[in-house]
Amino acid sequence: MTDGTADAAVFGELWLANPDLPERVRAGGPYNAADRASFFGGDHRGYTDYPAVDGA
């Protein structure tokens, strides 16, 4: 937008790969890379096995 605002902010993929996203944002990262092959199907992979940021 030309006025400096946004219609929406999307965190979906980033949040799926970083379940502790608020802590990572506060710490300035690092961020896990998303494994798109594990999104919304199959088993627990991609939801429970991403490493947490130190201190989380």
Protein backbone atom coordinates (compact mmCIF):
# COMPACT_ATOMS: atom_id res chain seq x y z
CA MET A 1 0.00 0.00 0.00
CA THR A 2 1.25 3.45 -0.74
CA ASP A 3 0.28 4.82 2.69
CA GLY A 4 2.61 2.43 4.55
CA THR A 5 -0.09 0.14 5.89
CA ALA A 6 -0.89 -3.48 5.07
CA ASP A 7 -4.17 -5.23 4.42
CA ALA A 8 -2.89 -8.41 6.06
CA ALA A 9 0.22 -9.91 7.59
CA VAL A 10 0.79 -13.61 6.98
CA PHE A 11 2.77 -15.78 9.36
CA GLY A 12 1.38 -19.23 8.43
CA GLU A 13 4.45 -20.99 7.05
CA LEU A 14 6.79 -19.20 9.45
CA TRP A 15 4.59 -20.17 12.42
CA LEU A 16 4.30 -23.81 11.34
CA ALA A 17 8.09 -24.10 11.20
CA ASN A 18 8.56 -22.13 14.42
CA PRO A 19 5.91 -23.08 17.01
CA ASP A 20 7.75 -20.78 19.45
CA LEU A 21 7.59 -17.86 17.01
CA PRO A 22 6.89 -15.08 19.57
CA GLU A 23 10.05 -16.06 21.48
CA ARG A 24 12.09 -16.17 18.27
CA VAL A 25 10.84 -12.73 17.24
CA ARG A 26 11.82 -11.33 20.67
CA ALA A 27 15.26 -12.98 20.37
CA GLY A 28 15.75 -11.80 16.78
CA GLY A 29 15.82 -15.37 15.44
CA PRO A 30 17.11 -17.73 14.30
CA TYR A 31 14.16 -19.18 12.38
CA ASN A 32 13.67 -22.79 11.28
CA ALA A 33 13.23 -23.43 7.58
CA ALA A 34 9.79 -24.84 6.78
CA ASP A 35 9.44 -28.43 5.57
CA ARG A 36 6.56 -27.96 3.12
CA ALA A 37 6.35 -31.71 2.46
CA SER A 38 5.11 -32.20 6.03
CA PHE A 39 2.34 -29.57 5.99
CA PHE A 40 -1.19 -30.77 6.74
CA GLY A 41 -0.93 -34.44 6.14
CA GLY A 42 0.72 -37.67 7.03
CA ASP A 43 1.94 -37.79 10.59
CA HIS A 44 3.40 -35.64 13.36
CA ARG A 45 6.45 -34.53 11.35
CA GLY A 46 6.66 -30.80 10.97
CA TYR A 47 4.50 -30.09 14.01
CA THR A 48 6.42 -31.62 16.88
CA ASP A 49 9.99 -32.02 15.69
CA TYR A 50 11.17 -28.49 14.88
CA PRO A 51 13.89 -27.47 17.35
CA ALA A 52 13.01 -24.75 19.86
CA VAL A 53 15.06 -21.59 20.19
CA ASP A 54 17.51 -21.62 23.12
CA GLY A 55 15.77 -20.51 26.29
CA ALA A 56 12.27 -21.34 25.06
